[in-house]
């Protein structure tokens, strides 16, 4: 099998996560700022310094794949001399409306750290998020007929970033839905071609609000053609017409590595103002649009 065909099969596997409309706004994943990559769900040994403390610990982590899947992970550190098998894991945070169940509860070996996925709620408690941020999040771990409640460390502010971004997204959605079209037209076929990404803003019809799309950031794979960044500065009224913002695009890189790391290749950071207030959202292309964008990049790179 040739290298190009192998690469194509790998990319196809990465992009078969769902279905999409023909040419409409894509879904978004809020709060997807870069986070340290971790080996999802794999038990990691604790440092072997001294005897076990006999305690459990908990912290939040998020890989780029987690972010793309709309989740985060609570990692339980079992610093005891015995394996434990959780029967129930529950994450509680006042910035969310209800507790979140931990997924796939299973063996946590002695003196190891293991991750359990948490699906991020689509509607955080936006009205009380500032006051709630001062209250520590906790996770309860039920095992062997007992339940332990642990304070959860979040050194990377995963929840704070997600809640702020998602609440902004919900506010933006009341004015217009923003997403990428699923087609990527090109100026000519083959190597060295330039494509066009189209950011679509569909107003809701609600009057009295204005959204300005100031900038769109590139990705490790896709960048603005002939300039350092996209700066459309497009104004969208809540009761105005649909806006289609064309973004000339070229491959940012053409090495195999950037294609194989395709999870963040079609997630774009959009800078905006909503009724004069600044904010930033991560807007992801739908699978069909992502496939079209990556196919364009491969052809333009001559792969």
C-alpha atoms as a PDB file:
ATOM      1  CA  UNK A   1       0.000   0.000   0.000  1.00  0.00           C
ATOM      2  CA  UNK A   2       1.409   3.421  -0.913  1.00  0.00           C
ATOM      3  CA  UNK A   3       2.131   6.116   1.647  1.00  0.00           C
ATOM      4  CA  UNK A   4      -0.553   8.408   0.157  1.00  0.00           C
ATOM      5  CA  UNK A   5      -3.220   5.702   0.287  1.00  0.00           C
ATOM      6  CA  UNK A   6      -2.304   4.814   3.880  1.00  0.00           C
ATOM      7  CA  UNK A   7      -2.571   8.463   4.856  1.00  0.00           C
ATOM      8  CA  UNK A   8      -5.929   8.762   3.145  1.00  0.00           C
ATOM      9  CA  UNK A   9      -7.333   5.775   5.038  1.00  0.00           C
ATOM     10  CA  UNK A  10      -6.149   7.158   8.355  1.00  0.00           C
ATOM     11  CA  UNK A  11      -7.736  10.526   7.635  1.00  0.00           C
ATOM     12  CA  UNK A  12     -10.986   8.887   6.590  1.00  0.00           C
ATOM     13  CA  UNK A  13     -11.110   7.027   9.901  1.00  0.00           C
ATOM     14  CA  UNK A  14     -10.587  10.270  11.819  1.00  0.00           C
ATOM     15  CA  UNK A  15     -13.398  12.018   9.985  1.00  0.00           C
ATOM     16  CA  UNK A  16     -16.199   9.431  10.203  1.00  0.00           C
ATOM     17  CA  UNK A  17     -17.547  10.803  13.472  1.00  0.00           C
ATOM     18  CA  UNK A  18     -20.942  11.929  12.210  1.00  0.00           C
ATOM     19  CA  UNK A  19     -23.159  13.245   9.421  1.00  0.00           C
ATOM     20  CA  UNK A  20     -23.684  16.796   8.186  1.00  0.00           C
ATOM     21  CA  UNK A  21     -25.897  19.033   6.128  1.00  0.00           C
ATOM     22  CA  UNK A  22     -25.007  19.849   2.554  1.00  0.00           C
ATOM     23  CA  UNK A  23     -23.882  23.442   2.968  1.00  0.00           C
ATOM     24  CA  UNK A  24     -24.799  24.929   6.326  1.00  0.00           C
ATOM     25  CA  UNK A  25     -23.218  26.098   9.558  1.00  0.00           C
ATOM     26  CA  UNK A  26     -21.206  23.494  11.403  1.00  0.00           C
ATOM     27  CA  UNK A  27     -21.292  22.516  15.035  1.00  0.00           C
ATOM     28  CA  UNK A  28     -19.024  24.156  17.577  1.00  0.00           C
ATOM     29  CA  UNK A  29     -16.981  22.884  20.471  1.00  0.00           C
ATOM     30  CA  UNK A  30     -16.533  25.606  23.027  1.00  0.00           C
ATOM     31  CA  UNK A  31     -13.658  25.985  25.415  1.00  0.00           C
ATOM     32  CA  UNK A  32     -11.324  23.886  23.340  1.00  0.00           C
ATOM     33  CA  UNK A  33      -8.156  25.733  24.124  1.00  0.00           C
ATOM     34  CA  UNK A  34      -5.020  23.634  23.754  1.00  0.00           C
ATOM     35  CA  UNK A  35      -4.471  21.325  26.712  1.00  0.00           C
ATOM     36  CA  UNK A  36      -1.718  18.895  27.586  1.00  0.00           C
ATOM     37  CA  UNK A  37      -2.101  15.654  25.649  1.00  0.00           C
ATOM     38  CA  UNK A  38      -2.610  12.574  27.812  1.00  0.00           C
ATOM     39  CA  UNK A  39      -3.004   8.870  27.121  1.00  0.00           C
ATOM     40  CA  UNK A  40      -6.770   8.614  27.461  1.00  0.00           C
ATOM     41  CA  UNK A  41      -7.955   6.150  30.124  1.00  0.00           C
ATOM     42  CA  UNK A  42      -4.520   4.580  30.612  1.00  0.00           C
ATOM     43  CA  UNK A  43      -3.394   3.956  34.221  1.00  0.00           C
ATOM     44  CA  UNK A  44      -0.219   5.916  34.969  1.00  0.00           C
ATOM     45  CA  UNK A  45       1.985   4.911  37.940  1.00  0.00           C
ATOM     46  CA  UNK A  46       2.308   7.378  40.785  1.00  0.00           C
ATOM     47  CA  UNK A  47       5.830   8.490  41.691  1.00  0.00           C
ATOM     48  CA  UNK A  48       7.322   5.706  43.876  1.00  0.00           C
ATOM     49  CA  UNK A  49       8.548   8.134  46.542  1.00  0.00           C
ATOM     50  CA  UNK A  50       7.969   6.751  50.017  1.00  0.00           C
ATOM     51  CA  UNK A  51       5.161   4.472  51.203  1.00  0.00           C
ATOM     52  CA  UNK A  52       1.544   4.905  50.002  1.00  0.00           C
ATOM     53  CA  UNK A  53      -0.357   7.740  51.685  1.00  0.00           C
ATOM     54  CA  UNK A  54      -3.521   5.628  51.813  1.00  0.00           C
ATOM     55  CA  UNK A  55      -5.459   8.421  50.087  1.00  0.00           C
ATOM     56  CA  UNK A  56      -7.208   9.074  46.789  1.00  0.00           C
ATOM     57  CA  UNK A  57      -6.607  12.190  44.711  1.00  0.00           C
ATOM     58  CA  UNK A  58      -8.485  13.733  41.775  1.00  0.00           C
ATOM     59  CA  UNK A  59      -7.663  16.203  39.010  1.00  0.00           C
ATOM     60  CA  UNK A  60      -9.130  17.270  35.682  1.00  0.00           C
ATOM     61  CA  UNK A  61      -7.334  16.811  32.370  1.00  0.00           C
ATOM     62  CA  UNK A  62      -8.270  17.206  28.714  1.00  0.00           C
ATOM     63  CA  UNK A  63      -6.505  15.994  25.592  1.00  0.00           C
ATOM     64  CA  UNK A  64      -7.161  17.473  22.161  1.00  0.00           C
ATOM     65  CA  UNK A  65      -9.177  14.345  21.361  1.00  0.00           C
ATOM     66  CA  UNK A  66     -11.278  14.831  24.500  1.00  0.00           C
ATOM     67  CA  UNK A  67     -11.997  18.421  23.459  1.00  0.00           C
ATOM     68  CA  UNK A  68     -13.031  17.299  19.975  1.00  0.00           C
ATOM     69  CA  UNK A  69     -15.403  14.732  21.528  1.00  0.00           C
ATOM     70  CA  UNK A  70     -16.990  17.274  23.886  1.00  0.00           C
ATOM     71  CA  UNK A  71     -15.624  15.833  27.082  1.00  0.00           C
ATOM     72  CA  UNK A  72     -12.976  16.138  29.774  1.00  0.00           C
ATOM     73  CA  UNK A  73     -11.586  13.535  32.163  1.00  0.00           C
ATOM     74  CA  UNK A  74     -11.342  13.206  35.905  1.00  0.00           C
ATOM     75  CA  UNK A  75      -8.185  11.326  36.819  1.00  0.00           C
ATOM     76  CA  UNK A  76      -8.299   9.391  40.104  1.00  0.00           C
ATOM     77  CA  UNK A  77      -4.997   8.820  41.850  1.00  0.00           C
ATOM     78  CA  UNK A  78      -5.108   5.648  43.945  1.00  0.00           C
ATOM     79  CA  UNK A  79      -2.216   6.166  46.347  1.00  0.00           C
ATOM     80  CA  UNK A  80      -3.057   3.106  48.423  1.00  0.00           C
ATOM     81  CA  UNK A  81      -1.582  -0.372  48.619  1.00  0.00           C
ATOM     82  CA  UNK A  82      -4.701  -2.030  47.156  1.00  0.00           C
ATOM     83  CA  UNK A  83      -6.469  -2.032  43.806  1.00  0.00           C
ATOM     84  CA  UNK A  84      -9.976  -0.582  43.845  1.00  0.00           C
ATOM     85  CA  UNK A  85     -12.877  -0.948  41.444  1.00  0.00           C
ATOM     86  CA  UNK A  86     -15.201   2.095  41.418  1.00  0.00           C
ATOM     87  CA  UNK A  87     -18.882   1.249  41.052  1.00  0.00           C
ATOM     88  CA  UNK A  88     -19.880   4.894  40.577  1.00  0.00           C
ATOM     89  CA  UNK A  89     -18.005   8.148  39.908  1.00  0.00           C
ATOM     90  CA  UNK A  90     -19.852  11.480  40.093  1.00  0.00           C
ATOM     91  CA  UNK A  91     -18.399  14.927  39.380  1.00  0.00           C
ATOM     92  CA  UNK A  92     -20.179  17.862  41.050  1.00  0.00           C
ATOM     93  CA  UNK A  93     -19.470  21.491  40.136  1.00  0.00           C
ATOM     94  CA  UNK A  94     -21.733  24.484  40.921  1.00  0.00           C
ATOM     95  CA  UNK A  95     -20.985  25.895  37.456  1.00  0.00           C
ATOM     96  CA  UNK A  96     -23.000  22.993  36.028  1.00  0.00           C
ATOM     97  CA  UNK A  97     -26.700  22.517  36.625  1.00  0.00           C
ATOM     98  CA  UNK A  98     -26.441  18.908  37.773  1.00  0.00           C
ATOM     99  CA  UNK A  99     -23.786  16.297  38.667  1.00  0.00           C
ATOM    100  CA  UNK A 100     -21.952  14.557  35.813  1.00  0.00           C
ATOM    101  CA  UNK A 101     -21.520  10.761  35.925  1.00  0.00           C
ATOM    102  CA  UNK A 102     -18.047   9.416  35.228  1.00  0.00           C
ATOM    103  CA  UNK A 103     -18.019   6.968  32.341  1.00  0.00           C
ATOM    104  CA  UNK A 104     -16.479   3.475  32.218  1.00  0.00           C
ATOM    105  CA  UNK A 105     -15.863   2.950  35.962  1.00  0.00           C
ATOM    106  CA  UNK A 106     -13.403   0.073  36.268  1.00  0.00           C
ATOM    107  CA  UNK A 107     -10.216  -1.087  37.987  1.00  0.00           C
ATOM    108  CA  UNK A 108      -7.916   1.590  39.394  1.00  0.00           C
ATOM    109  CA  UNK A 109      -4.687  -0.268  40.263  1.00  0.00           C
ATOM    110  CA  UNK A 110      -2.835   0.494  43.480  1.00  0.00           C
ATOM    111  CA  UNK A 111      -0.416   3.412  43.254  1.00  0.00           C
ATOM    112  CA  UNK A 112      -1.633   4.490  39.813  1.00  0.00           C
ATOM    113  CA  UNK A 113      -3.636   7.287  38.196  1.00  0.00           C
ATOM    114  CA  UNK A 114      -6.505   6.440  35.831  1.00  0.00           C
ATOM    115  CA  UNK A 115      -8.779   8.701  33.759  1.00  0.00           C
ATOM    116  CA  UNK A 116     -12.572   8.502  33.516  1.00  0.00           C
ATOM    117  CA  UNK A 117     -14.429  10.524  30.845  1.00  0.00           C
ATOM    118  CA  UNK A 118     -16.946  13.235  31.761  1.00  0.00           C
ATOM    119  CA  UNK A 119     -19.298  14.534  29.072  1.00  0.00           C
ATOM    120  CA  UNK A 120     -19.443  18.327  29.235  1.00  0.00           C
ATOM    121  CA  UNK A 121     -23.005  19.656  29.744  1.00  0.00           C
ATOM    122  CA  UNK A 122     -24.268  21.685  26.807  1.00  0.00           C
ATOM    123  CA  UNK A 123     -25.934  24.281  29.048  1.00  0.00           C
ATOM    124  CA  UNK A 124     -23.789  25.392  32.009  1.00  0.00           C
ATOM    125  CA  UNK A 125     -25.201  27.540  34.802  1.00  0.00           C
ATOM    126  CA  UNK A 126     -24.250  30.773  33.031  1.00  0.00           C
ATOM    127  CA  UNK A 127     -26.134  33.130  35.370  1.00  0.00           C
ATOM    128  CA  UNK A 128     -24.186  32.009  38.436  1.00  0.00           C
ATOM    129  CA  UNK A 129     -20.836  31.028  36.941  1.00  0.00           C
ATOM    130  CA  UNK A 130     -18.828  33.896  38.494  1.00  0.00           C
ATOM    131  CA  UNK A 131     -20.006  33.251  42.073  1.00  0.00           C
ATOM    132  CA  UNK A 132     -19.830  29.480  41.590  1.00  0.00           C
ATOM    133  CA  UNK A 133     -16.185  29.642  40.521  1.00  0.00           C
ATOM    134  CA  UNK A 134     -15.194  30.214  44.165  1.00  0.00           C
ATOM    135  CA  UNK A 135     -16.763  26.912  45.255  1.00  0.00           C
ATOM    136  CA  UNK A 136     -14.492  23.891  44.787  1.00  0.00           C
ATOM    137  CA  UNK A 137     -15.569  21.088  42.510  1.00  0.00           C
ATOM    138  CA  UNK A 138     -15.706  17.602  43.991  1.00  0.00           C
ATOM    139  CA  UNK A 139     -15.885  14.031  42.785  1.00  0.00           C
ATOM    140  CA  UNK A 140     -17.438  11.174  44.714  1.00  0.00           C
ATOM    141  CA  UNK A 141     -16.010   7.696  44.213  1.00  0.00           C
ATOM    142  CA  UNK A 142     -18.079   4.727  45.369  1.00  0.00           C
ATOM    143  CA  UNK A 143     -16.202   1.459  45.862  1.00  0.00           C
ATOM    144  CA  UNK A 144     -16.194  -1.539  48.236  1.00  0.00           C
ATOM    145  CA  UNK A 145     -19.409  -0.385  49.954  1.00  0.00           C
ATOM    146  CA  UNK A 146     -18.124   3.107  50.766  1.00  0.00           C
ATOM    147  CA  UNK A 147     -18.133   6.527  49.106  1.00  0.00           C
ATOM    148  CA  UNK A 148     -15.233   8.978  49.226  1.00  0.00           C
ATOM    149  CA  UNK A 149     -15.640  12.654  48.292  1.00  0.00           C
ATOM    150  CA  UNK A 150     -12.553  14.329  46.847  1.00  0.00           C
ATOM    151  CA  UNK A 151     -11.782  17.928  45.977  1.00  0.00           C
ATOM    152  CA  UNK A 152     -10.807  18.125  42.299  1.00  0.00           C
ATOM    153  CA  UNK A 153      -7.732  20.023  41.111  1.00  0.00           C
ATOM    154  CA  UNK A 154      -8.088  21.891  37.800  1.00  0.00           C
ATOM    155  CA  UNK A 155      -4.694  23.490  37.199  1.00  0.00           C
ATOM    156  CA  UNK A 156      -5.442  24.225  33.535  1.00  0.00           C
ATOM    157  CA  UNK A 157      -8.817  25.908  34.257  1.00  0.00           C
ATOM    158  CA  UNK A 158     -10.548  23.436  31.948  1.00  0.00           C
ATOM    159  CA  UNK A 159     -14.003  24.063  33.421  1.00  0.00           C
ATOM    160  CA  UNK A 160     -13.608  27.842  33.682  1.00  0.00           C
ATOM    161  CA  UNK A 161     -12.509  28.114  30.058  1.00  0.00           C
ATOM    162  CA  UNK A 162     -15.285  25.844  28.842  1.00  0.00           C
ATOM    163  CA  UNK A 163     -18.030  27.573  30.818  1.00  0.00           C
ATOM    164  CA  UNK A 164     -16.947  31.064  29.737  1.00  0.00           C
ATOM    165  CA  UNK A 165     -16.740  30.028  26.091  1.00  0.00           C
ATOM    166  CA  UNK A 166     -19.950  27.991  26.080  1.00  0.00           C
ATOM    167  CA  UNK A 167     -21.932  30.764  27.775  1.00  0.00           C
ATOM    168  CA  UNK A 168     -20.626  33.208  25.166  1.00  0.00           C
ATOM    169  CA  UNK A 169     -21.605  30.728  22.458  1.00  0.00           C
ATOM    170  CA  UNK A 170     -25.150  30.484  23.820  1.00  0.00           C
ATOM    171  CA  UNK A 171     -25.368  34.280  23.862  1.00  0.00           C
ATOM    172  CA  UNK A 172     -24.084  34.449  20.268  1.00  0.00           C
ATOM    173  CA  UNK A 173     -26.595  31.781  19.210  1.00  0.00           C
ATOM    174  CA  UNK A 174     -29.408  34.103  20.251  1.00  0.00           C
ATOM    175  CA  UNK A 175     -28.181  36.511  17.571  1.00  0.00           C
ATOM    176  CA  UNK A 176     -26.814  34.232  14.801  1.00  0.00           C
ATOM    177  CA  UNK A 177     -25.640  30.688  14.186  1.00  0.00           C
ATOM    178  CA  UNK A 178     -22.034  30.564  13.011  1.00  0.00           C
ATOM    179  CA  UNK A 179     -20.462  27.671  11.129  1.00  0.00           C
ATOM    180  CA  UNK A 180     -18.475  26.660   8.072  1.00  0.00           C
ATOM    181  CA  UNK A 181     -19.946  25.595   4.744  1.00  0.00           C
ATOM    182  CA  UNK A 182     -19.114  22.035   3.772  1.00  0.00           C
ATOM    183  CA  UNK A 183     -17.724  22.900   0.325  1.00  0.00           C
ATOM    184  CA  UNK A 184     -14.204  24.163  -0.346  1.00  0.00           C
ATOM    185  CA  UNK A 185     -13.976  25.548  -3.905  1.00  0.00           C
ATOM    186  CA  UNK A 186     -10.498  25.944  -5.435  1.00  0.00           C
ATOM    187  CA  UNK A 187      -8.995  28.284  -8.013  1.00  0.00           C
ATOM    188  CA  UNK A 188      -7.528  25.342  -9.945  1.00  0.00           C
ATOM    189  CA  UNK A 189      -6.990  21.630  -9.318  1.00  0.00           C
ATOM    190  CA  UNK A 190      -3.755  20.104  -8.124  1.00  0.00           C
ATOM    191  CA  UNK A 191      -0.571  21.189  -6.412  1.00  0.00           C
ATOM    192  CA  UNK A 192      -0.220  24.850  -5.407  1.00  0.00           C
ATOM    193  CA  UNK A 193      -3.960  25.555  -5.551  1.00  0.00           C
ATOM    194  CA  UNK A 194      -5.757  28.054  -3.309  1.00  0.00           C
ATOM    195  CA  UNK A 195      -9.092  27.205  -1.732  1.00  0.00           C
ATOM    196  CA  UNK A 196     -11.889  29.164  -0.094  1.00  0.00           C
ATOM    197  CA  UNK A 197     -13.396  28.397   3.292  1.00  0.00           C
ATOM    198  CA  UNK A 198     -16.808  30.000   3.827  1.00  0.00           C
ATOM    199  CA  UNK A 199     -17.889  31.080   7.295  1.00  0.00           C
ATOM    200  CA  UNK A 200     -21.676  31.368   7.379  1.00  0.00           C
ATOM    201  CA  UNK A 201     -23.574  33.548   9.878  1.00  0.00           C
ATOM    202  CA  UNK A 202     -27.340  32.921   9.932  1.00  0.00           C
ATOM    203  CA  UNK A 203     -29.212  35.546  12.025  1.00  0.00           C
ATOM    204  CA  UNK A 204     -32.034  34.369  14.262  1.00  0.00           C
ATOM    205  CA  UNK A 205     -34.269  37.349  13.423  1.00  0.00           C
ATOM    206  CA  UNK A 206     -34.028  38.792  16.930  1.00  0.00           C
ATOM    207  CA  UNK A 207     -33.663  42.582  16.647  1.00  0.00           C
ATOM    208  CA  UNK A 208     -31.516  44.861  18.767  1.00  0.00           C
ATOM    209  CA  UNK A 209     -28.263  42.855  18.773  1.00  0.00           C
ATOM    210  CA  UNK A 210     -25.121  43.092  16.675  1.00  0.00           C
ATOM    211  CA  UNK A 211     -22.337  40.569  16.179  1.00  0.00           C
ATOM    212  CA  UNK A 212     -19.015  41.538  14.614  1.00  0.00           C
ATOM    213  CA  UNK A 213     -16.690  38.779  13.422  1.00  0.00           C
ATOM    214  CA  UNK A 214     -13.267  40.376  13.815  1.00  0.00           C
ATOM    215  CA  UNK A 215     -10.818  37.578  13.074  1.00  0.00           C
ATOM    216  CA  UNK A 216     -10.468  33.898  12.239  1.00  0.00           C
ATOM    217  CA  UNK A 217      -7.324  32.077  13.296  1.00  0.00           C
ATOM    218  CA  UNK A 218      -5.623  29.408  11.221  1.00  0.00           C
ATOM    219  CA  UNK A 219      -4.886  25.837  12.270  1.00  0.00           C
ATOM    220  CA  UNK A 220      -1.743  23.698  12.079  1.00  0.00           C
ATOM    221  CA  UNK A 221      -2.948  22.543   8.640  1.00  0.00           C
ATOM    222  CA  UNK A 222      -4.822  25.522   7.156  1.00  0.00           C
ATOM    223  CA  UNK A 223      -3.786  29.187   7.033  1.00  0.00           C
ATOM    224  CA  UNK A 224      -4.854  32.430   5.353  1.00  0.00           C
ATOM    225  CA  UNK A 225      -3.680  32.664   1.744  1.00  0.00           C
ATOM    226  CA  UNK A 226      -1.389  35.607   1.065  1.00  0.00           C
ATOM    227  CA  UNK A 227      -1.645  37.093   4.547  1.00  0.00           C
ATOM    228  CA  UNK A 228      -0.807  36.323   8.164  1.00  0.00           C
ATOM    229  CA  UNK A 229      -4.415  35.956   9.331  1.00  0.00           C
ATOM    230  CA  UNK A 230      -8.036  36.435   8.329  1.00  0.00           C
ATOM    231  CA  UNK A 231      -9.572  39.698   9.542  1.00  0.00           C
ATOM    232  CA  UNK A 232     -13.041  39.932   7.947  1.00  0.00           C
ATOM    233  CA  UNK A 233     -14.513  42.455  10.435  1.00  0.00           C
ATOM    234  CA  UNK A 234     -17.947  41.384   9.233  1.00  0.00           C
ATOM    235  CA  UNK A 235     -20.986  42.913  10.943  1.00  0.00           C
ATOM    236  CA  UNK A 236     -24.054  40.724  11.484  1.00  0.00           C
ATOM    237  CA  UNK A 237     -27.396  42.095  12.718  1.00  0.00           C
ATOM    238  CA  UNK A 238     -29.715  39.790  14.607  1.00  0.00           C
ATOM    239  CA  UNK A 239     -32.539  40.703  12.240  1.00  0.00           C
ATOM    240  CA  UNK A 240     -30.329  41.124   9.168  1.00  0.00           C
ATOM    241  CA  UNK A 241     -29.496  38.931   6.161  1.00  0.00           C
ATOM    242  CA  UNK A 242     -27.351  35.804   6.104  1.00  0.00           C
ATOM    243  CA  UNK A 243     -23.644  36.650   5.802  1.00  0.00           C
ATOM    244  CA  UNK A 244     -21.237  34.393   3.895  1.00  0.00           C
ATOM    245  CA  UNK A 245     -17.645  35.322   4.669  1.00  0.00           C
ATOM    246  CA  UNK A 246     -15.091  33.963   2.221  1.00  0.00           C
ATOM    247  CA  UNK A 247     -11.656  33.083   3.606  1.00  0.00           C
ATOM    248  CA  UNK A 248      -8.960  32.293   1.005  1.00  0.00           C
ATOM    249  CA  UNK A 249      -6.975  29.335   2.344  1.00  0.00           C
ATOM    250  CA  UNK A 250      -3.741  27.482   1.685  1.00  0.00           C
ATOM    251  CA  UNK A 251      -1.990  24.612   3.471  1.00  0.00           C
ATOM    252  CA  UNK A 252       0.050  25.790   6.442  1.00  0.00           C
ATOM    253  CA  UNK A 253       2.308  22.723   6.194  1.00  0.00           C
ATOM    254  CA  UNK A 254       2.631  19.713   3.931  1.00  0.00           C
ATOM    255  CA  UNK A 255       4.433  17.121   6.086  1.00  0.00           C
ATOM    256  CA  UNK A 256       2.811  13.804   6.965  1.00  0.00           C
ATOM    257  CA  UNK A 257       2.762  14.598  10.686  1.00  0.00           C
ATOM    258  CA  UNK A 258       0.312  17.503  10.395  1.00  0.00           C
ATOM    259  CA  UNK A 259      -2.138  15.344   8.412  1.00  0.00           C
ATOM    260  CA  UNK A 260      -1.998  12.524  10.947  1.00  0.00           C
ATOM    261  CA  UNK A 261      -2.664  15.003  13.761  1.00  0.00           C
ATOM    262  CA  UNK A 262      -5.968  15.905  12.121  1.00  0.00           C
ATOM    263  CA  UNK A 263      -8.082  16.361  15.303  1.00  0.00           C
ATOM    264  CA  UNK A 264      -7.377  20.115  15.445  1.00  0.00           C
ATOM    265  CA  UNK A 265      -6.841  20.688  11.724  1.00  0.00           C
ATOM    266  CA  UNK A 266     -10.324  22.080  11.118  1.00  0.00           C
ATOM    267  CA  UNK A 267     -11.073  23.843  14.422  1.00  0.00           C
ATOM    268  CA  UNK A 268     -10.812  27.619  14.042  1.00  0.00           C
ATOM    269  CA  UNK A 269     -10.596  30.276  16.744  1.00  0.00           C
ATOM    270  CA  UNK A 270     -13.013  33.095  15.901  1.00  0.00           C
ATOM    271  CA  UNK A 271     -12.562  36.486  17.564  1.00  0.00           C
ATOM    272  CA  UNK A 272     -15.735  38.545  17.813  1.00  0.00           C
ATOM    273  CA  UNK A 273     -17.653  41.312  19.539  1.00  0.00           C
ATOM    274  CA  UNK A 274     -21.220  40.725  20.729  1.00  0.00           C
ATOM    275  CA  UNK A 275     -23.016  44.019  21.363  1.00  0.00           C
ATOM    276  CA  UNK A 276     -19.590  45.571  21.883  1.00  0.00           C
ATOM    277  CA  UNK A 277     -18.288  42.876  24.263  1.00  0.00           C
ATOM    278  CA  UNK A 278     -15.235  40.923  23.036  1.00  0.00           C
ATOM    279  CA  UNK A 279     -14.973  37.138  23.053  1.00  0.00           C
ATOM    280  CA  UNK A 280     -13.522  34.132  21.255  1.00  0.00           C
ATOM    281  CA  UNK A 281     -15.109  30.879  20.118  1.00  0.00           C
ATOM    282  CA  UNK A 282     -13.707  27.691  18.638  1.00  0.00           C
ATOM    283  CA  UNK A 283     -15.738  26.803  15.544  1.00  0.00           C
ATOM    284  CA  UNK A 284     -15.249  23.278  14.199  1.00  0.00           C
ATOM    285  CA  UNK A 285     -16.100  22.162  10.704  1.00  0.00           C
ATOM    286  CA  UNK A 286     -18.569  19.305  10.384  1.00  0.00           C
ATOM    287  CA  UNK A 287     -17.141  15.970   9.195  1.00  0.00           C
ATOM    288  CA  UNK A 288     -18.122  16.589   5.550  1.00  0.00           C
ATOM    289  CA  UNK A 289     -16.571  20.053   5.568  1.00  0.00           C
ATOM    290  CA  UNK A 290     -13.478  18.810   7.378  1.00  0.00           C
ATOM    291  CA  UNK A 291     -13.057  16.039   4.809  1.00  0.00           C
ATOM    292  CA  UNK A 292     -13.326  18.588   1.984  1.00  0.00           C
ATOM    293  CA  UNK A 293     -10.824  20.947   3.629  1.00  0.00           C
ATOM    294  CA  UNK A 294      -8.290  18.185   4.278  1.00  0.00           C
ATOM    295  CA  UNK A 295      -8.743  16.813   0.752  1.00  0.00           C
ATOM    296  CA  UNK A 296      -8.018  20.312  -0.599  1.00  0.00           C
ATOM    297  CA  UNK A 297      -4.870  20.578   1.553  1.00  0.00           C
ATOM    298  CA  UNK A 298      -3.627  17.183   0.381  1.00  0.00           C
ATOM    299  CA  UNK A 299      -4.187  18.096  -3.272  1.00  0.00           C
ATOM    300  CA  UNK A 300      -2.586  21.521  -2.876  1.00  0.00           C
ATOM    301  CA  UNK A 301       0.417  19.869  -1.197  1.00  0.00           C
ATOM    302  CA  UNK A 302       0.691  17.388  -4.051  1.00  0.00           C
ATOM    303  CA  UNK A 303       0.052  14.354  -1.846  1.00  0.00           C
END
